[in-house]
Amino acid sequence: MLFSQQTYIQRRQELRNLVGDGIILLLGNNDSPMNYPANAYKFRQDSTFLYFTGQHRDGLALVIDCNTGEETFVGDEIDIDDIVWYGSVTSVKEMAEETGISTVRPMAALAEICDAAKAQGRKVHFLPPYRHDHMIQLMDLLGIHPSKQKAEASLDLIHAVVKLRTVKSAEEIAELERASLIGYEMHTTAMKLAVQPGMSESYIGGILDGIAASKGAIVSFQSIVSMHGEILHGYPSPAALEPGRLLLCDAGAETREHYCSDHTRTTPISGRFTQKQKEIYDIVVECHDLALTHAKPGVKYFDVHLDVCRLMTERLKELGLMKGDTEEAVQAGAHALFLPHGLGHMMGMDVHDMEGLGQIYVGFDEETRPNLDQFGTNCLRFGRRLDVGHVVTDEPGIYFIPDLIDLWQKEGTNAAFLNFDKINQYRDFGGIRIEDDVLITPDGCRFLGDKRIPYHTDEVEAFINS
């Protein structure tokens, strides 16, 4: 376990108090076969189960009785055949004791526990499942068809988990800092490789995976490494890097305890930005830095997002790519031709922290609701009011997506605010994104990690040419 036993005991106590009544059922993850049962993907524990137990082994579950306070750690012991292949492991009883739980039951007892709760008319709280084996298990335990499980997941439990996991403790921040340091090494290596002759997207992507693995970590998501930065999730291809183009690299590390980093840098493959590239790049830098000055406790991240959109619109107007009244353009969503995603998302044990619980519960609340009807703004994953201990990404970008340009021009979308003749001169530009992870502090925000990956124009060029 990463943290002290008392940390996990306190987390479960707070969870029990927040939910208030009924039985809480948290399922740990099982191994996931890749192409046959014995050849599985690298095991990754469910984040919420790990948050409340600190235990990494597969095939476990946790039951908490909110009324009596009884906690039951559920799991089967491994047999001698497993020991021969994988060695001795900590027993289920020992794992339970480590996390401060005295009652241990085998997995077969989970059905008895759920049956008893249902017979008594008690609520069994569970989270929306995202793995099909869990969906089948929940159907067996609770009789709820997988197609209905998301709708019948417990809102009380979702809200409780979000409330507890949203504000990061000092222990968690230290682990997030470790992830950021690995991310620093990944990105500075990628920036150096981008200007070396003979490099390819897939080679750099493989190096990023290797750096994470060499630190006992994994990548926090499939690395995005592409000269086609206009493709938001442009995964690496065997394509050789071409001088004169930009390489967008969006990658992060996930520590053994599954705390994540997520950074993006855009590097000129020739070692220097062209004037055209620099003009667009510097707008993204200015938007990125504006968010750093505006993000602070009590401010809605939705408002920070809109402030960035206004600044971007002003600067694009100066280049002749946009026109008209800035406020009207932003309200109409004209800027989304260039920025079709939100300013950022929450970070933590998941790179999009708790997104599986429902973004409307994680990134928004009763005060701040998402704008699902407007292209671009509908992709803002975090808009709620910031608080001390929140960790969010700051990731503005400008992209020239030919198919989107053609569609908007054909349909006349936001034609009052867009100079399509000028925009079409950038069709082969690609895209630029700059992303950092920031911690909200009592007086503002700060970067995570004590090493900052270069991102200002002069810093980037000096670094990659040093």
Protein backbone atom coordinates (compact mmCIF):
# COMPACT_ATOMS: atom_id res chain seq x y z
CA MET A 1 0.00 0.00 0.00
CA LEU A 2 1.20 3.51 -0.81
CA PHE A 3 -0.37 5.33 2.14
CA SER A 4 -0.85 4.51 5.81
CA GLN A 5 -3.54 2.13 7.03
CA GLN A 6 -5.27 5.03 8.75
CA THR A 7 -5.64 6.85 5.42
CA TYR A 8 -7.72 4.02 3.97
CA ILE A 9 -9.72 3.55 7.18
CA GLN A 10 -10.59 7.25 7.21
CA ARG A 11 -11.54 7.26 3.52
CA ARG A 12 -13.95 4.36 4.03
CA GLN A 13 -15.43 6.02 7.13
CA GLU A 14 -16.09 9.21 5.16
CA LEU A 15 -17.57 7.22 2.28
CA ARG A 16 -19.90 5.36 4.65
CA ASN A 17 -21.04 8.62 6.24
CA LEU A 18 -21.70 10.26 2.87
CA VAL A 19 -23.74 7.36 1.48
CA GLY A 20 -25.54 6.95 4.79
CA ASP A 21 -27.69 3.85 4.30
CA GLY A 22 -27.49 0.43 2.66
CA ILE A 23 -24.66 -1.73 1.36
CA ILE A 24 -21.74 -0.38 -0.70
CA LEU A 25 -20.29 -2.86 -3.21
CA LEU A 26 -16.95 -2.01 -4.84
CA LEU A 27 -15.51 -4.52 -7.31
CA GLY A 28 -11.78 -4.74 -7.92
CA ASN A 29 -10.62 -5.58 -11.41
CA ASN A 30 -9.83 -9.02 -12.81
CA ASP A 31 -7.15 -9.96 -15.28
CA SER A 32 -8.09 -9.08 -18.87
CA PRO A 33 -7.00 -11.67 -21.47
CA MET A 34 -5.43 -10.18 -24.58
CA ASN A 35 -5.82 -13.12 -26.97
CA TYR A 36 -6.07 -16.21 -24.75
CA PRO A 37 -6.60 -16.64 -20.98
CA ALA A 38 -2.97 -16.96 -19.91
CA ASN A 39 -1.79 -14.02 -22.05
CA ALA A 40 -3.31 -11.03 -20.29
CA TYR A 41 -2.86 -7.29 -20.52
CA LYS A 42 -0.76 -5.76 -17.75
CA PHE A 43 -3.03 -5.73 -14.70
CA ARG A 44 -4.50 -2.41 -13.66
CA GLN A 45 -6.59 -2.18 -10.49
CA ASP A 46 -9.86 -0.27 -10.48
CA SER A 47 -9.09 3.25 -9.27
CA THR A 48 -11.93 3.54 -6.78
CA PHE A 49 -11.24 0.13 -5.26
CA LEU A 50 -7.58 1.08 -4.95
CA TYR A 51 -8.47 4.45 -3.43
CA PHE A 52 -10.36 2.80 -0.58
CA THR A 53 -8.15 -0.27 -0.01
CA GLY A 54 -4.66 0.35 -1.39
CA GLN A 55 -4.59 -3.26 -2.67
CA HIS A 56 -3.43 -4.17 -6.16
CA ARG A 57 -4.30 -7.86 -6.53
CA ASP A 58 -6.88 -9.01 -9.05
CA GLY A 59 -10.11 -10.77 -8.10
CA LEU A 60 -11.09 -8.78 -5.01
CA ALA A 61 -14.16 -6.92 -3.78
CA LEU A 62 -15.10 -4.68 -0.88
CA VAL A 63 -18.45 -4.55 0.93
CA ILE A 64 -19.29 -1.78 3.41
CA ASP A 65 -22.44 -1.81 5.52
CA CYS A 66 -23.31 1.86 5.98
CA ASN A 67 -25.65 1.14 8.88
CA THR A 68 -23.54 -1.18 11.03
CA GLY A 69 -20.09 -0.02 9.88
CA GLU A 70 -19.06 -3.60 9.11
CA GLU A 71 -16.49 -3.93 6.33
CA THR A 72 -15.89 -7.17 4.43
CA PHE A 73 -12.86 -7.84 2.27
CA VAL A 74 -13.75 -10.44 -0.37
CA GLY A 75 -11.42 -12.64 -2.39
CA ASP A 76 -10.13 -16.16 -2.98
CA GLU A 77 -6.65 -17.33 -2.05
CA ILE A 78 -4.43 -18.33 -4.95
CA ASP A 79 -3.64 -22.05 -5.24
CA ILE A 80 -0.36 -23.92 -5.57
CA ASP A 81 -0.52 -23.91 -9.39
CA ASP A 82 -0.49 -20.11 -9.37
CA ILE A 83 2.29 -20.05 -6.80
CA VAL A 84 4.45 -22.29 -9.02
CA TRP A 85 4.18 -19.79 -11.87
CA TYR A 86 3.98 -16.47 -10.05
CA GLY A 87 5.45 -17.07 -6.61
CA SER A 88 3.96 -16.62 -3.15
CA VAL A 89 1.74 -13.59 -2.63
CA THR A 90 0.19 -11.84 0.34
CA SER A 91 -2.88 -13.72 1.53
CA VAL A 92 -6.35 -12.16 1.31
CA LYS A 93 -6.47 -12.08 5.12
CA GLU A 94 -3.13 -10.25 5.27
CA MET A 95 -4.25 -7.75 2.64
CA ALA A 96 -7.41 -7.08 4.63
CA GLU A 97 -5.38 -6.53 7.80
CA GLU A 98 -3.06 -4.14 5.95
CA THR A 99 -5.97 -1.95 4.97
CA GLY A 100 -7.64 -2.17 8.39
CA ILE A 101 -10.42 -4.69 7.73
CA SER A 102 -10.99 -7.67 10.03
CA THR A 103 -13.69 -9.62 8.16
CA VAL A 104 -12.65 -11.73 5.16
CA ARG A 105 -14.96 -13.82 2.94
CA PRO A 106 -14.38 -15.89 -0.20
CA MET A 107 -15.76 -14.61 -3.50
CA ALA A 108 -18.61 -17.14 -3.39
CA ALA A 109 -19.92 -15.36 -0.29
CA LEU A 110 -20.56 -12.17 -2.27
CA ALA A 111 -23.82 -13.65 -3.60
CA GLU A 112 -24.91 -14.48 -0.04
CA ILE A 113 -24.22 -10.93 1.11
CA CYS A 114 -26.16 -9.40 -1.80
CA ASP A 115 -29.03 -11.88 -1.47
CA ALA A 116 -29.37 -11.07 2.24
CA ALA A 117 -29.41 -7.32 1.52
CA LYS A 118 -32.06 -7.71 -1.19
CA ALA A 119 -34.20 -9.94 1.03
CA GLN A 120 -34.17 -7.22 3.68
CA GLY A 121 -35.10 -4.57 1.12
CA ARG A 122 -31.78 -2.80 1.56
CA LYS A 123 -30.17 -0.70 -1.16
CA VAL A 124 -27.00 -2.15 -2.73
CA HIS A 125 -24.94 0.76 -3.99
CA PHE A 126 -22.65 0.14 -6.97
CA LEU A 127 -20.79 2.33 -9.46
CA PRO A 128 -21.33 2.31 -13.25
CA PRO A 129 -19.34 -0.70 -14.53
CA TYR A 130 -16.97 -0.24 -17.45
CA ARG A 131 -15.76 -3.84 -17.81
CA HIS A 132 -17.97 -6.55 -19.23
CA ASP A 133 -16.92 -9.14 -16.65
CA HIS A 134 -18.19 -6.78 -13.95
CA MET A 135 -21.43 -6.30 -15.86
CA ILE A 136 -21.98 -10.04 -15.89
CA GLN A 137 -21.04 -10.31 -12.21
CA LEU A 138 -23.47 -7.54 -11.26
CA MET A 139 -26.22 -9.24 -13.27
CA ASP A 140 -25.57 -12.48 -11.37
CA LEU A 141 -25.44 -10.71 -8.00
CA LEU A 142 -28.25 -8.18 -8.35
CA GLY A 143 -30.32 -9.39 -11.29
CA ILE A 144 -29.83 -6.14 -13.22
CA HIS A 145 -29.26 -6.53 -16.94
CA PRO A 146 -26.04 -4.87 -18.22
CA SER A 147 -28.07 -2.54 -20.44
CA LYS A 148 -29.69 -1.07 -17.30
CA GLN A 149 -26.73 -1.01 -14.92
CA LYS A 150 -25.50 2.47 -15.81
CA ALA A 151 -28.96 3.91 -15.19
CA GLU A 152 -29.38 2.01 -11.91
CA ALA A 153 -25.92 2.77 -10.53
CA SER A 154 -26.09 4.61 -7.21
CA LEU A 155 -26.04 8.39 -7.51
CA ASP A 156 -25.42 8.60 -3.76
CA LEU A 157 -22.27 6.50 -4.17
CA ILE A 158 -21.16 8.39 -7.29
CA HIS A 159 -21.49 11.75 -5.54
CA ALA A 160 -19.69 10.44 -2.45
CA VAL A 161 -16.75 9.04 -4.42
CA VAL A 162 -16.44 12.22 -6.49
CA LYS A 163 -16.51 14.39 -3.37
CA LEU A 164 -13.72 12.39 -1.73
CA ARG A 165 -11.48 11.88 -4.77
CA THR A 166 -11.80 15.42 -6.17
CA VAL A 167 -9.65 17.18 -3.55
CA LYS A 168 -6.15 15.70 -3.49
CA SER A 169 -4.36 15.21 -0.18
CA ALA A 170 -0.70 16.09 0.36
CA GLU A 171 0.13 12.38 -0.03
CA GLU A 172 -1.65 12.23 -3.36
CA ILE A 173 -0.03 15.43 -4.60
CA ALA A 174 3.39 13.96 -3.86
CA GLU A 175 2.53 10.93 -6.00
CA LEU A 176 1.21 13.16 -8.78
CA GLU A 177 4.52 15.05 -8.64
CA ARG A 178 6.33 11.74 -9.21
CA ALA A 179 4.20 11.08 -12.26
CA SER A 180 5.00 14.57 -13.56
CA LEU A 181 8.73 13.98 -13.21
CA ILE A 182 8.47 10.87 -15.36
CA GLY A 183 6.40 12.90 -17.82
CA TYR A 184 9.15 15.52 -17.90
CA GLU A 185 11.70 12.89 -18.96
CA MET A 186 9.31 11.47 -21.56
CA HIS A 187 8.61 14.83 -23.18
CA THR A 188 12.09 16.29 -23.11
CA THR A 189 13.36 13.07 -24.71
CA ALA A 190 10.69 13.25 -27.40
CA MET A 191 11.55 16.89 -28.13
CA LYS A 192 15.23 16.02 -28.56
CA LEU A 193 14.45 13.03 -30.79
CA ALA A 194 12.05 15.04 -32.97
CA VAL A 195 14.92 17.00 -34.50
CA GLN A 196 17.19 13.99 -35.11
CA PRO A 197 17.45 12.72 -38.73
CA GLY A 198 15.72 9.43 -39.46
CA MET A 199 13.22 9.54 -36.62
CA SER A 200 9.65 8.22 -36.99
CA GLU A 201 6.47 8.79 -35.02
CA SER A 202 6.33 5.16 -33.90
CA TYR A 203 9.97 5.14 -32.75
CA ILE A 204 9.38 8.14 -30.51
CA GLY A 205 6.13 6.59 -29.25
CA GLY A 206 8.00 3.42 -28.36
CA ILE A 207 10.67 5.37 -26.50
CA LEU A 208 7.97 7.09 -24.45
CA ASP A 209 6.50 3.71 -23.47
CA GLY A 210 9.97 2.49 -22.55
CA ILE A 211 10.79 5.46 -20.34
CA ALA A 212 7.60 4.93 -18.35
CA ALA A 213 8.26 1.20 -18.03
CA SER A 214 11.86 1.77 -16.96
CA LYS A 215 10.55 3.80 -14.00
CA GLY A 216 8.22 0.99 -12.92
CA ALA A 217 5.30 2.96 -14.38
CA ILE A 218 3.08 2.72 -17.43
CA VAL A 219 1.86 5.35 -19.84
CA SER A 220 -1.32 6.95 -18.48
CA PHE A 221 -2.98 6.63 -21.91
CA GLN A 222 -1.93 5.60 -25.40
CA SER A 223 0.66 8.18 -26.42
CA ILE A 224 -0.31 10.66 -29.14
CA VAL A 225 2.70 11.32 -31.40
CA SER A 226 1.89 12.78 -34.78
CA MET A 227 2.82 15.31 -37.44
CA HIS A 228 -0.94 15.56 -37.99
CA GLY A 229 -1.58 17.60 -34.88
CA GLU A 230 -4.99 18.54 -36.27
CA ILE A 231 -6.09 14.98 -35.43
CA LEU A 232 -6.79 15.33 -31.72
CA HIS A 233 -5.93 11.70 -30.99
CA GLY A 234 -3.29 11.13 -33.64
CA TYR A 235 -1.56 7.92 -32.61
CA PRO A 236 1.96 7.24 -33.92
CA SER A 237 2.40 5.74 -37.37
CA PRO A 238 5.61 4.42 -38.95
CA ALA A 239 5.85 7.72 -40.86
CA ALA A 240 9.28 9.33 -40.93
CA LEU A 241 9.40 12.84 -39.53
CA GLU A 242 9.47 15.53 -42.21
CA PRO A 243 11.52 18.73 -41.85
CA GLY A 244 9.38 21.84 -41.83
CA ARG A 245 6.47 20.20 -40.04
CA LEU A 246 5.41 20.21 -36.40
CA LEU A 247 5.32 17.14 -34.16
CA LEU A 248 2.58 17.08 -31.53
CA CYS A 249 3.29 14.80 -28.58
CA ASP A 250 0.60 14.26 -25.94
CA ALA A 251 1.72 11.70 -23.37
CA GLY A 252 1.86 10.99 -19.66
CA ALA A 253 3.03 8.52 -17.05
CA GLU A 254 1.05 6.56 -14.49
CA THR A 255 2.89 5.49 -11.36
CA ARG A 256 2.54 2.06 -9.80
CA GLU A 257 -0.09 3.52 -7.51
CA HIS A 258 -1.90 4.83 -10.61
CA TYR A 259 -1.50 8.57 -10.19
CA CYS A 260 -1.10 10.19 -13.58
CA SER A 261 0.53 12.96 -15.53
CA ASP A 262 -0.60 14.38 -18.87
CA HIS A 263 1.42 16.89 -20.89
CA THR A 264 1.49 18.02 -24.50
CA ARG A 265 4.26 19.73 -26.42
CA THR A 266 4.52 20.69 -30.09
CA THR A 267 8.02 20.69 -31.56
CA PRO A 268 9.32 22.09 -34.88
CA ILE A 269 11.02 19.14 -36.59
CA SER A 270 13.49 21.44 -38.35
CA GLY A 271 14.64 22.87 -35.01
CA ARG A 272 13.14 26.32 -35.66
CA PHE A 273 9.58 27.56 -36.02
CA THR A 274 8.70 29.19 -39.31
CA GLN A 275 7.14 32.64 -38.98
CA LYS A 276 3.72 31.20 -39.75
CA GLN A 277 4.14 28.45 -37.14
CA LYS A 278 5.46 30.88 -34.55
CA GLU A 279 2.48 33.21 -34.95
CA ILE A 280 0.01 30.42 -34.21
CA TYR A 281 2.21 28.80 -31.57
CA ASP A 282 2.57 32.03 -29.62
CA ILE A 283 -1.21 32.44 -29.51
CA VAL A 284 -1.48 29.01 -27.88
CA VAL A 285 1.25 29.95 -25.39
CA GLU A 286 -0.57 33.15 -24.51
CA CYS A 287 -3.82 31.25 -23.98
CA HIS A 288 -2.04 28.64 -21.86
CA ASP A 289 -0.47 31.31 -19.67
CA LEU A 290 -3.73 33.24 -19.37
CA ALA A 291 -5.32 30.16 -17.82
CA LEU A 292 -2.48 29.98 -15.29
CA THR A 293 -3.23 33.52 -14.11
CA HIS A 294 -7.03 33.08 -14.02
CA ALA A 295 -7.31 29.63 -12.41
CA LYS A 296 -7.72 30.06 -8.66
CA PRO A 297 -10.09 29.01 -5.86
CA GLY A 298 -13.65 30.24 -6.34
CA VAL A 299 -13.34 30.72 -10.12
CA LYS A 300 -15.35 28.53 -12.48
CA TYR A 301 -13.12 26.68 -14.93
CA PHE A 302 -15.90 27.20 -17.48
CA ASP A 303 -15.20 30.94 -17.20
CA VAL A 304 -11.46 30.38 -17.60
CA HIS A 305 -12.22 28.36 -20.73
CA LEU A 306 -14.30 31.23 -22.15
CA ASP A 307 -11.57 33.77 -21.28
CA VAL A 308 -9.13 31.66 -23.28
CA CYS A 309 -11.58 31.49 -26.18
CA ARG A 310 -11.93 35.29 -26.19
CA LEU A 311 -8.16 35.80 -26.22
CA MET A 312 -7.73 33.24 -28.99
CA THR A 313 -10.42 34.95 -31.05
CA GLU A 314 -8.77 38.36 -30.61
CA ARG A 315 -5.39 37.03 -31.74
CA LEU A 316 -6.83 35.12 -34.70
CA LYS A 317 -8.59 38.30 -35.77
CA GLU A 318 -5.21 40.05 -35.78
CA LEU A 319 -3.95 37.40 -38.21
CA GLY A 320 -7.03 37.85 -40.41
CA LEU A 321 -8.42 34.37 -39.72
CA MET A 322 -11.43 35.62 -37.76
CA LYS A 323 -13.50 38.81 -37.83
CA GLY A 324 -16.42 40.56 -36.18
CA ASP A 325 -17.26 41.16 -32.54
CA THR A 326 -15.22 38.90 -30.25
CA GLU A 327 -17.94 38.30 -27.67
CA GLU A 328 -20.53 37.50 -30.34
CA ALA A 329 -18.07 35.13 -32.05
CA VAL A 330 -17.38 33.23 -28.83
CA GLN A 331 -21.05 33.05 -27.90
CA ALA A 332 -21.76 31.64 -31.36
CA GLY A 333 -18.92 29.09 -30.99
CA ALA A 334 -17.00 30.34 -34.03
CA HIS A 335 -13.67 29.79 -32.27
CA ALA A 336 -14.43 26.05 -32.07
CA LEU A 337 -13.35 25.69 -35.68
CA PHE A 338 -9.85 26.08 -34.23
CA LEU A 339 -10.44 24.78 -30.67
CA PRO A 340 -12.99 21.94 -30.80
CA HIS A 341 -12.29 20.73 -27.25
CA GLY A 342 -12.38 22.12 -23.74
CA LEU A 343 -9.59 23.81 -21.83
CA GLY A 344 -8.97 20.84 -19.57
CA HIS A 345 -10.07 17.98 -17.35
CA MET A 346 -9.51 16.77 -13.82
CA MET A 347 -6.41 14.69 -13.07
CA GLY A 348 -5.72 12.07 -10.42
CA MET A 349 -5.77 8.28 -10.34
CA ASP A 350 -7.24 8.33 -13.84
CA VAL A 351 -5.81 10.59 -16.51
CA HIS A 352 -9.39 11.84 -17.01
CA ASP A 353 -10.11 11.49 -13.34
CA MET A 354 -13.32 9.55 -12.54
CA GLU A 355 -14.67 10.08 -16.05
CA GLY A 356 -16.24 6.63 -15.90
CA LEU A 357 -18.54 7.83 -13.11
CA GLY A 358 -20.16 10.35 -15.46
CA GLN A 359 -18.57 13.60 -16.54
CA ILE A 360 -21.62 15.60 -15.50
CA TYR A 361 -20.98 14.55 -11.88
CA VAL A 362 -17.20 15.01 -11.96
CA GLY A 363 -16.63 18.14 -14.00
CA PHE A 364 -19.91 19.89 -13.24
CA ASP A 365 -22.36 20.34 -10.38
CA GLU A 366 -25.77 21.86 -9.67
CA GLU A 367 -24.31 25.36 -10.01
CA THR A 368 -22.37 24.82 -13.22
CA ARG A 369 -23.93 22.82 -16.03
CA PRO A 370 -22.32 21.81 -19.33
CA ASN A 371 -23.32 23.42 -22.60
CA LEU A 372 -24.04 20.27 -24.58
CA ASP A 373 -25.64 22.06 -27.53
CA GLN A 374 -22.62 23.98 -28.80
CA PHE A 375 -19.83 22.32 -30.77
CA GLY A 376 -16.54 22.65 -28.90
CA THR A 377 -18.00 23.77 -25.59
CA ASN A 378 -19.82 20.42 -25.37
CA CYS A 379 -16.38 18.79 -25.04
CA LEU A 380 -15.37 20.77 -21.94
CA ARG A 381 -14.85 18.04 -19.36
CA PHE A 382 -14.39 20.29 -16.34
CA GLY A 383 -16.27 23.53 -15.75
CA ARG A 384 -17.14 23.67 -12.06
CA ARG A 385 -15.84 26.13 -9.49
CA LEU A 386 -12.21 25.48 -8.57
CA ASP A 387 -11.13 24.66 -5.05
CA VAL A 388 -7.83 24.16 -3.23
CA GLY A 389 -6.54 20.67 -3.97
CA HIS A 390 -8.09 20.33 -7.42
CA VAL A 391 -5.70 19.13 -10.11
CA VAL A 392 -6.68 20.09 -13.66
CA THR A 393 -5.07 20.25 -17.07
CA ASP A 394 -4.47 23.51 -18.93
CA GLU A 395 -4.44 22.52 -22.61
CA PRO A 396 -5.47 25.07 -25.20
CA GLY A 397 -4.78 24.33 -28.84
CA ILE A 398 -5.28 25.63 -32.36
CA TYR A 399 -6.00 23.13 -35.12
CA PHE A 400 -6.65 23.41 -38.84
CA ILE A 401 -8.85 20.42 -39.69
CA PRO A 402 -9.47 20.35 -43.47
CA ASP A 403 -12.69 18.32 -43.33
CA LEU A 404 -14.15 20.60 -40.66
CA ILE A 405 -13.11 23.72 -42.58
CA ASP A 406 -14.80 22.34 -45.71
CA LEU A 407 -17.98 21.46 -43.85
CA TRP A 408 -18.34 24.84 -42.15
CA GLN A 409 -17.53 26.70 -45.37
CA LYS A 410 -20.06 24.63 -47.32
CA GLU A 411 -22.79 25.14 -44.74
CA GLY A 412 -21.89 28.77 -43.99
CA THR A 413 -21.39 27.97 -40.30
CA ASN A 414 -20.30 31.10 -38.43
CA ALA A 415 -19.43 32.75 -41.75
CA ALA A 416 -19.91 36.16 -40.12
CA PHE A 417 -16.87 35.53 -37.94
CA LEU A 418 -14.56 33.41 -40.15
CA ASN A 419 -12.39 34.42 -43.12
CA PHE A 420 -12.42 31.14 -45.01
CA ASP A 421 -10.15 32.40 -47.82
CA LYS A 422 -7.43 33.10 -45.27
CA ILE A 423 -8.16 29.94 -43.27
CA ASN A 424 -7.73 27.78 -46.36
CA GLN A 425 -4.15 29.01 -46.63
CA TYR A 426 -3.50 26.99 -43.43
CA ARG A 427 -5.04 23.70 -44.59
CA ASP A 428 -1.71 21.85 -44.37
CA PHE A 429 -0.62 23.52 -41.11
CA GLY A 430 -1.57 20.71 -38.73
CA GLY A 431 -2.23 21.61 -35.12
CA ILE A 432 -0.64 22.89 -31.93
CA ARG A 433 -1.47 22.02 -28.33
CA ILE A 434 0.36 22.89 -25.10
CA GLU A 435 -0.72 21.09 -21.95
CA ASP A 436 0.35 21.07 -18.33
CA ASP A 437 -1.05 19.70 -15.08
CA VAL A 438 -1.75 22.36 -12.47
CA LEU A 439 -2.63 22.21 -8.78
CA ILE A 440 -5.06 24.78 -7.40
CA THR A 441 -3.46 26.44 -4.38
CA PRO A 442 -4.88 28.92 -1.82
CA ASP A 443 -3.63 31.89 -3.86
CA GLY A 444 -3.83 30.58 -7.44
CA CYS A 445 -2.28 27.57 -9.10
CA ARG A 446 1.10 26.03 -9.84
CA PHE A 447 2.65 23.44 -12.12
CA LEU A 448 2.95 19.92 -10.79
CA GLY A 449 6.54 18.67 -10.72
CA ASP A 450 9.63 20.73 -9.99
CA LYS A 451 10.83 20.52 -13.60
CA ARG A 452 8.96 22.40 -16.30
CA ILE A 453 9.02 21.07 -19.84
CA PRO A 454 10.07 23.96 -22.13
CA TYR A 455 7.18 25.48 -24.06
CA HIS A 456 7.86 29.15 -24.84
CA THR A 457 9.17 29.62 -28.37
CA ASP A 458 12.69 30.69 -27.46
CA GLU A 459 12.95 28.01 -24.75
CA VAL A 460 11.88 25.27 -27.16
CA GLU A 461 14.30 26.27 -29.88
CA ALA A 462 17.18 26.68 -27.43
CA PHE A 463 16.45 23.33 -25.80
CA ILE A 464 16.15 21.20 -28.94
CA ASN A 465 19.21 22.78 -30.51
CA SER A 466 21.43 22.61 -27.40
